[in-house]
């Protein structure tokens, strides 16, 4: 989110300073790794609607950079028959006039024989879904921001943000910086920097597993789709094609342990790998067993909706946080929104579901 905002603001001719706790491309937060899903499948209509603009912004980044960053594979959404989530997704797609198809198990297996499914499932197909080359997206935003004059300070820890001074001031271990606008996109470290707001942000440890099947041709982006599934025991599973060095990616969304971003154990846990292997054996057996696992952090709000708003006591501080493990696909959009709020104090996009004051009633 911060790299996208920096790019948009630098493009506008603004003076931009990016203060990064670690080095660019680090693996300590939520944006590293090769792939993130981009999709219209959502059980809340406002996300489906906002995705239309996010896609356009990603395509604009590709045009400006000359790189392919968004790969279209199509996607299937799976759930047991009469599943509430799948029904809500259909309602969101209908509300947004997004084209999709309802399939039975025979249609799915005919198109994608890699799946093993029962005849008691709801299955949706949406052709415009795919994945983003995540680490390259972040790198590209930062490079373009620098090209337009942004100053990026890596390995620089922010120790305090003085929101009570006349001009917001950001303190690091060795310096202080005052600015007309300060944008906080600190992920799992947001609560530490804005402790005066007591934001209900829960940082959780999440793991993903990678698979390298013998017949890897079956799982390339042009032969295997992105998929999501609500299982009978309420888990949200997802996966995507073989891409990059690690292979095909499968994971469970959410349900992670609460941790501290500075002290959490980043070693993958065996029980989770076994859980994923069992799921894969039943749903996509030819993927085999996991060959690699890694972790990232979610920063979750109670309703899993984002926080995109002004600081309630200092409107010159802007906050983008709580992306709850499904925010990366919106980076292009959030970067635009934060730049518009910084430059004009408003945005033409509807961000009312993401205002901070809603958290008071949760």
Protein backbone atom coordinates (compact mmCIF):
# COMPACT_ATOMS: atom_id res chain seq x y z
CA UNK A 1 0.00 0.00 0.00
CA UNK A 2 2.81 2.39 0.86
CA UNK A 3 4.78 1.72 -2.32
CA UNK A 4 1.68 2.32 -4.46
CA UNK A 5 0.87 5.56 -2.62
CA UNK A 6 4.47 6.73 -2.99
CA UNK A 7 4.33 6.12 -6.73
CA UNK A 8 1.05 7.97 -7.19
CA UNK A 9 2.23 10.95 -5.15
CA UNK A 10 5.62 11.12 -6.83
CA UNK A 11 3.85 11.02 -10.20
CA UNK A 12 1.86 14.07 -9.12
CA UNK A 13 5.07 16.02 -8.50
CA UNK A 14 4.81 15.89 -4.71
CA UNK A 15 7.82 15.71 -2.43
CA UNK A 16 7.75 12.10 -1.18
CA UNK A 17 9.77 10.43 1.55
CA UNK A 18 9.29 6.70 2.16
CA UNK A 19 10.51 5.41 5.54
CA UNK A 20 10.88 1.61 5.53
CA UNK A 21 11.63 -0.36 8.71
CA UNK A 22 13.40 -3.14 6.79
CA UNK A 23 14.94 -3.39 3.32
CA UNK A 24 12.80 -3.46 0.19
CA UNK A 25 11.70 -6.97 -0.68
CA UNK A 26 11.91 -8.15 2.95
CA UNK A 27 9.92 -11.18 4.16
CA UNK A 28 8.81 -9.95 7.58
CA UNK A 29 5.41 -8.50 6.70
CA UNK A 30 2.51 -9.31 4.39
CA UNK A 31 3.58 -8.41 0.84
CA UNK A 32 6.48 -10.74 0.00
CA UNK A 33 6.34 -13.83 -2.16
CA UNK A 34 5.58 -14.32 -5.81
CA UNK A 35 1.79 -14.56 -6.05
CA UNK A 36 -1.41 -13.03 -4.69
CA UNK A 37 -4.91 -13.72 -6.00
CA UNK A 38 -6.84 -10.99 -7.77
CA UNK A 39 -10.54 -11.78 -8.06
CA UNK A 40 -14.10 -10.51 -8.25
CA UNK A 41 -15.32 -13.28 -5.92
CA UNK A 42 -16.42 -11.52 -2.72
CA UNK A 43 -19.32 -11.97 -0.34
CA UNK A 44 -19.50 -8.18 0.16
CA UNK A 45 -20.63 -6.25 -2.94
CA UNK A 46 -18.50 -3.15 -2.33
CA UNK A 47 -15.30 -5.15 -2.78
CA UNK A 48 -16.54 -6.59 -6.07
CA UNK A 49 -17.36 -3.07 -7.26
CA UNK A 50 -14.00 -1.62 -6.18
CA UNK A 51 -12.15 -4.40 -7.96
CA UNK A 52 -13.18 -2.92 -11.31
CA UNK A 53 -11.07 0.16 -10.58
CA UNK A 54 -8.26 -1.90 -9.04
CA UNK A 55 -7.90 -3.95 -12.24
CA UNK A 56 -7.67 -0.75 -14.28
CA UNK A 57 -5.00 0.65 -11.96
CA UNK A 58 -2.93 -2.54 -12.20
CA UNK A 59 -3.13 -2.45 -15.98
CA UNK A 60 -1.99 1.16 -15.88
CA UNK A 61 1.04 0.12 -13.80
CA UNK A 62 1.86 -2.54 -16.39
CA UNK A 63 1.62 0.05 -19.13
CA UNK A 64 3.87 2.51 -17.29
CA UNK A 65 6.48 -0.12 -16.37
CA UNK A 66 6.42 -2.32 -19.45
CA UNK A 67 6.12 -5.42 -17.22
CA UNK A 68 3.48 -8.12 -17.00
CA UNK A 69 2.34 -8.13 -13.38
CA UNK A 70 -1.25 -9.42 -13.65
CA UNK A 71 -1.82 -12.93 -15.02
CA UNK A 72 -5.36 -14.00 -15.95
CA UNK A 73 -6.16 -17.66 -15.31
CA UNK A 74 -9.85 -17.68 -14.48
CA UNK A 75 -11.08 -18.95 -11.14
CA UNK A 76 -13.39 -21.50 -9.59
CA UNK A 77 -15.19 -20.91 -6.30
CA UNK A 78 -16.22 -24.13 -4.54
CA UNK A 79 -18.53 -24.98 -1.67
CA UNK A 80 -21.00 -27.62 -0.57
CA UNK A 81 -24.45 -27.34 -2.16
CA UNK A 82 -26.46 -24.36 -0.86
CA UNK A 83 -23.36 -22.89 0.79
CA UNK A 84 -24.03 -19.38 2.13
CA UNK A 85 -20.68 -17.98 1.05
CA UNK A 86 -21.12 -19.08 -2.57
CA UNK A 87 -24.64 -17.66 -2.54
CA UNK A 88 -23.34 -14.32 -1.23
CA UNK A 89 -20.61 -14.30 -3.89
CA UNK A 90 -23.24 -14.79 -6.58
CA UNK A 91 -25.24 -11.88 -5.18
CA UNK A 92 -22.14 -9.65 -5.27
CA UNK A 93 -21.34 -10.63 -8.84
CA UNK A 94 -24.95 -10.01 -9.88
CA UNK A 95 -24.99 -6.62 -8.14
CA UNK A 96 -21.78 -5.63 -9.93
CA UNK A 97 -22.91 -7.02 -13.30
CA UNK A 98 -19.79 -9.23 -13.37
CA UNK A 99 -20.05 -12.14 -15.77
CA UNK A 100 -19.76 -15.65 -14.31
CA UNK A 101 -21.01 -19.21 -14.84
CA UNK A 102 -22.49 -21.82 -12.50
CA UNK A 103 -20.99 -25.26 -13.14
CA UNK A 104 -21.72 -28.78 -11.99
CA UNK A 105 -18.97 -31.24 -11.07
CA UNK A 106 -18.84 -32.74 -14.56
CA UNK A 107 -18.24 -29.32 -16.15
CA UNK A 108 -15.43 -28.58 -13.71
CA UNK A 109 -13.68 -31.91 -14.21
CA UNK A 110 -14.11 -31.68 -17.97
CA UNK A 111 -12.42 -28.26 -18.01
CA UNK A 112 -9.94 -28.93 -15.20
CA UNK A 113 -9.42 -32.66 -14.63
CA UNK A 114 -6.88 -31.85 -11.91
CA UNK A 115 -9.78 -31.43 -9.44
CA UNK A 116 -11.50 -34.26 -7.60
CA UNK A 117 -15.00 -33.11 -6.56
CA UNK A 118 -18.35 -34.58 -5.56
CA UNK A 119 -21.70 -34.00 -7.27
CA UNK A 120 -22.97 -32.17 -4.18
CA UNK A 121 -21.12 -28.90 -4.70
CA UNK A 122 -21.84 -25.36 -5.80
CA UNK A 123 -19.21 -24.29 -8.34
CA UNK A 124 -18.77 -20.84 -9.86
CA UNK A 125 -16.45 -19.95 -12.73
CA UNK A 126 -15.24 -16.40 -13.39
CA UNK A 127 -12.98 -15.83 -16.37
CA UNK A 128 -11.25 -12.58 -15.34
CA UNK A 129 -9.64 -13.82 -12.13
CA UNK A 130 -5.92 -14.44 -11.83
CA UNK A 131 -2.89 -13.57 -9.75
CA UNK A 132 -0.45 -10.72 -9.28
CA UNK A 133 3.34 -11.10 -9.31
CA UNK A 134 3.37 -9.69 -5.80
CA UNK A 135 7.01 -9.01 -4.99
CA UNK A 136 7.57 -7.56 -8.44
CA UNK A 137 4.54 -5.28 -8.02
CA UNK A 138 6.04 -3.76 -4.87
CA UNK A 139 9.47 -3.45 -6.45
CA UNK A 140 8.01 -1.82 -9.55
CA UNK A 141 6.05 0.76 -7.57
CA UNK A 142 9.17 1.72 -5.61
CA UNK A 143 11.38 1.95 -8.70
CA UNK A 144 8.86 4.15 -10.49
CA UNK A 145 8.41 6.29 -7.37
CA UNK A 146 12.17 6.83 -7.26
CA UNK A 147 12.19 7.61 -10.98
CA UNK A 148 9.76 10.43 -10.24
CA UNK A 149 11.82 11.79 -7.38
CA UNK A 150 10.73 9.88 -4.26
CA UNK A 151 13.35 9.46 -1.54
CA UNK A 152 13.26 5.93 -0.07
CA UNK A 153 15.00 5.35 3.27
CA UNK A 154 15.42 1.63 3.97
CA UNK A 155 16.36 0.00 7.30
CA UNK A 156 14.95 3.04 9.08
CA UNK A 157 12.64 2.39 12.04
CA UNK A 158 9.97 4.92 12.95
CA UNK A 159 9.90 5.29 16.73
CA UNK A 160 7.08 7.81 17.11
CA UNK A 161 4.60 9.92 15.17
CA UNK A 162 3.79 13.22 16.89
CA UNK A 163 0.19 13.86 15.86
CA UNK A 164 -0.27 16.68 18.37
CA UNK A 165 2.27 19.06 16.86
CA UNK A 166 1.13 21.79 14.47
CA UNK A 167 2.73 19.88 11.59
CA UNK A 168 2.83 16.07 11.96
CA UNK A 169 6.33 14.91 12.78
CA UNK A 170 7.77 11.45 12.25
CA UNK A 171 10.66 10.41 14.51
CA UNK A 172 13.18 7.72 13.62
CA UNK A 173 16.11 6.48 15.65
CA UNK A 174 18.37 9.21 14.26
CA UNK A 175 16.19 11.87 12.64
CA UNK A 176 12.83 13.58 12.56
CA UNK A 177 10.75 14.57 9.54
CA UNK A 178 7.88 17.04 9.42
CA UNK A 179 5.39 17.01 6.60
CA UNK A 180 2.04 18.46 5.62
CA UNK A 181 0.71 14.92 5.25
CA UNK A 182 1.83 11.65 6.79
CA UNK A 183 0.54 8.35 5.39
CA UNK A 184 0.79 5.35 7.71
CA UNK A 185 0.87 1.99 5.90
CA UNK A 186 2.77 0.05 8.55
CA UNK A 187 0.93 -3.27 8.39
CA UNK A 188 1.48 -5.35 11.51
CA UNK A 189 3.26 -2.42 13.20
CA UNK A 190 0.32 0.01 12.85
CA UNK A 191 -0.96 -0.37 16.42
CA UNK A 192 2.51 0.36 17.80
CA UNK A 193 2.78 3.61 15.85
CA UNK A 194 -0.80 4.75 16.51
CA UNK A 195 -1.29 3.43 20.03
CA UNK A 196 -3.33 6.51 20.98
CA UNK A 197 -6.17 5.17 18.80
CA UNK A 198 -6.33 1.70 20.39
CA UNK A 199 -7.20 0.21 17.01
CA UNK A 200 -8.60 -3.35 17.30
CA UNK A 201 -5.95 -4.88 15.05
CA UNK A 202 -5.00 -8.51 15.58
CA UNK A 203 -1.71 -9.68 14.07
CA UNK A 204 -1.76 -13.38 13.19
CA UNK A 205 0.75 -15.88 11.85
CA UNK A 206 -0.23 -17.42 8.51
CA UNK A 207 1.43 -20.15 6.47
CA UNK A 208 1.38 -21.14 2.82
CA UNK A 209 2.57 -24.36 1.19
CA UNK A 210 4.06 -24.95 -2.24
CA UNK A 211 3.79 -28.04 -4.42
CA UNK A 212 5.89 -29.30 -7.32
CA UNK A 213 3.92 -32.05 -9.06
CA UNK A 214 5.66 -34.49 -11.39
CA UNK A 215 3.46 -33.36 -14.29
CA UNK A 216 3.94 -29.64 -13.71
CA UNK A 217 2.54 -28.77 -17.17
CA UNK A 218 -0.95 -29.49 -15.79
CA UNK A 219 -0.56 -26.71 -13.25
CA UNK A 220 0.77 -23.83 -15.35
CA UNK A 221 -1.16 -20.53 -15.48
CA UNK A 222 -2.63 -21.45 -18.86
CA UNK A 223 -3.82 -24.90 -17.72
CA UNK A 224 -4.82 -24.50 -14.06
CA UNK A 225 -7.02 -21.80 -12.47
CA UNK A 226 -6.94 -19.89 -9.25
CA UNK A 227 -9.41 -21.48 -6.85
CA UNK A 228 -11.13 -20.85 -3.52
CA UNK A 229 -13.20 -23.20 -1.40
CA UNK A 230 -15.27 -23.07 1.76
CA UNK A 231 -14.90 -26.55 3.20
CA UNK A 232 -17.59 -28.41 5.14
CA UNK A 233 -15.78 -27.62 8.40
CA UNK A 234 -15.69 -23.89 7.64
CA UNK A 235 -12.14 -23.42 6.39
CA UNK A 236 -11.45 -21.01 3.52
CA UNK A 237 -8.88 -22.69 1.28
CA UNK A 238 -7.27 -21.18 -1.79
CA UNK A 239 -4.64 -21.95 -4.37
CA UNK A 240 -3.06 -20.83 -7.59
CA UNK A 241 -0.98 -22.18 -10.47
CA UNK A 242 2.67 -23.15 -10.62
CA UNK A 243 4.58 -19.87 -10.93
CA UNK A 244 8.12 -18.92 -10.12
CA UNK A 245 10.67 -20.98 -8.21
CA UNK A 246 8.50 -22.43 -5.46
CA UNK A 247 5.69 -24.11 -7.44
CA UNK A 248 1.90 -24.17 -7.06
CA UNK A 249 0.65 -22.39 -3.94
CA UNK A 250 -2.07 -23.62 -1.57
CA UNK A 251 -3.07 -22.14 1.79
CA UNK A 252 -5.81 -21.67 4.34
CA UNK A 253 -7.08 -18.12 4.73
CA UNK A 254 -7.09 -16.85 8.30
CA UNK A 255 -7.46 -18.86 11.52
CA UNK A 256 -3.84 -18.11 12.47
CA UNK A 257 -2.35 -17.67 15.94
CA UNK A 258 -2.08 -14.15 17.37
CA UNK A 259 1.56 -13.05 17.48
CA UNK A 260 3.85 -10.08 17.92
CA UNK A 261 5.39 -8.99 14.58
CA UNK A 262 8.77 -8.48 16.24
CA UNK A 263 9.07 -11.69 18.24
CA UNK A 264 6.96 -14.35 16.48
CA UNK A 265 8.44 -17.72 15.57
CA UNK A 266 8.68 -17.76 11.78
CA UNK A 267 9.38 -21.47 11.45
CA UNK A 268 6.59 -23.28 9.53
CA UNK A 269 4.57 -25.66 11.69
CA UNK A 270 4.29 -29.34 10.80
CA UNK A 271 0.62 -29.67 11.77
CA UNK A 272 -0.30 -27.05 9.20
CA UNK A 273 1.69 -28.70 6.42
CA UNK A 274 -0.11 -31.98 7.24
CA UNK A 275 -3.46 -30.16 7.13
CA UNK A 276 -2.72 -28.76 3.69
CA UNK A 277 -1.38 -32.08 2.40
CA UNK A 278 -4.60 -33.81 3.50
CA UNK A 279 -6.73 -31.20 1.76
CA UNK A 280 -4.66 -31.41 -1.42
CA UNK A 281 -4.75 -35.23 -1.43
CA UNK A 282 -8.56 -35.11 -1.46
CA UNK A 283 -9.12 -32.14 -3.78
CA UNK A 284 -6.12 -31.98 -6.17
CA UNK A 285 -4.29 -35.29 -5.66
CA UNK A 286 -1.75 -34.91 -8.47
CA UNK A 287 -0.12 -31.97 -6.68
CA UNK A 288 1.45 -34.47 -4.29
CA UNK A 289 2.97 -33.30 -1.00
CA UNK A 290 4.26 -29.89 0.02
CA UNK A 291 7.90 -29.26 -0.81
CA UNK A 292 8.19 -25.86 0.85
CA UNK A 293 6.30 -23.75 3.39
CA UNK A 294 6.68 -20.15 4.50
CA UNK A 295 4.84 -17.69 6.68
CA UNK A 296 3.52 -14.14 6.52
CA UNK A 297 1.48 -11.90 8.78
CA UNK A 298 -2.16 -10.86 8.62
CA UNK A 299 -3.26 -7.67 10.37
CA UNK A 300 -6.96 -8.25 10.94
CA UNK A 301 -9.86 -6.05 11.91
CA UNK A 302 -12.86 -7.63 13.73
CA UNK A 303 -15.02 -7.47 10.56
CA UNK A 304 -12.11 -8.16 8.16
CA UNK A 305 -12.82 -4.87 6.39
CA UNK A 306 -10.00 -2.39 5.79
CA UNK A 307 -9.19 0.83 7.60
CA UNK A 308 -8.77 3.69 5.09
CA UNK A 309 -9.33 7.01 6.78
CA UNK A 310 -7.92 10.15 8.35
CA UNK A 311 -6.62 10.08 11.91
CA UNK A 312 -9.69 11.18 13.93
CA UNK A 313 -7.66 13.71 15.94
CA UNK A 314 -5.20 14.78 13.26
CA UNK A 315 -6.60 14.90 9.71
CA UNK A 316 -3.13 15.42 8.25
CA UNK A 317 -2.28 11.83 9.18
CA UNK A 318 -3.81 9.27 6.83
CA UNK A 319 -4.13 5.59 7.70
CA UNK A 320 -4.36 2.49 5.54
CA UNK A 321 -4.33 -0.66 7.67
CA UNK A 322 -6.09 -3.85 8.68
CA UNK A 323 -6.10 -5.51 5.28
CA UNK A 324 -6.94 -8.85 6.89
CA UNK A 325 -5.17 -11.08 4.43
CA UNK A 326 -7.16 -10.08 1.37
CA UNK A 327 -5.84 -6.61 0.67
CA UNK A 328 -2.94 -7.07 -1.74
CA UNK A 329 -5.16 -7.12 -4.84
CA UNK A 330 -6.33 -3.64 -3.82
CA UNK A 331 -2.84 -2.09 -3.50
CA UNK A 332 -3.18 -0.27 -6.80
CA UNK A 333 -6.51 1.18 -5.72
CA UNK A 334 -5.44 2.05 -2.17
CA UNK A 335 -2.36 3.81 -3.50
CA UNK A 336 -4.61 5.98 -5.63
CA UNK A 337 -7.01 6.65 -2.76
CA UNK A 338 -4.26 7.64 -0.32
CA UNK A 339 -2.70 9.97 -2.85
CA UNK A 340 -6.06 11.63 -3.52
CA UNK A 341 -6.72 12.06 0.21
CA UNK A 342 -3.25 13.54 0.66
CA UNK A 343 -3.55 15.95 -2.25
CA UNK A 344 -7.19 17.03 -2.07
CA UNK A 345 -8.58 15.68 1.19
CA UNK A 346 -11.14 13.53 -0.59
CA UNK A 347 -11.56 10.69 -3.07
CA UNK A 348 -14.27 10.00 -5.61
CA UNK A 349 -14.30 6.33 -4.60
CA UNK A 350 -16.64 5.12 -1.86
CA UNK A 351 -14.52 4.29 1.18
CA UNK A 352 -17.32 4.62 3.74
CA UNK A 353 -17.11 0.90 4.69
CA UNK A 354 -13.52 1.51 5.78
CA UNK A 355 -13.94 4.48 8.12
CA UNK A 356 -12.40 4.14 11.58
CA UNK A 357 -15.55 5.12 13.50
CA UNK A 358 -17.33 1.90 12.50
CA UNK A 359 -14.93 0.00 14.74
CA UNK A 360 -16.53 1.58 17.82
CA UNK A 361 -19.63 -0.56 17.34
CA UNK A 362 -17.85 -3.87 16.73
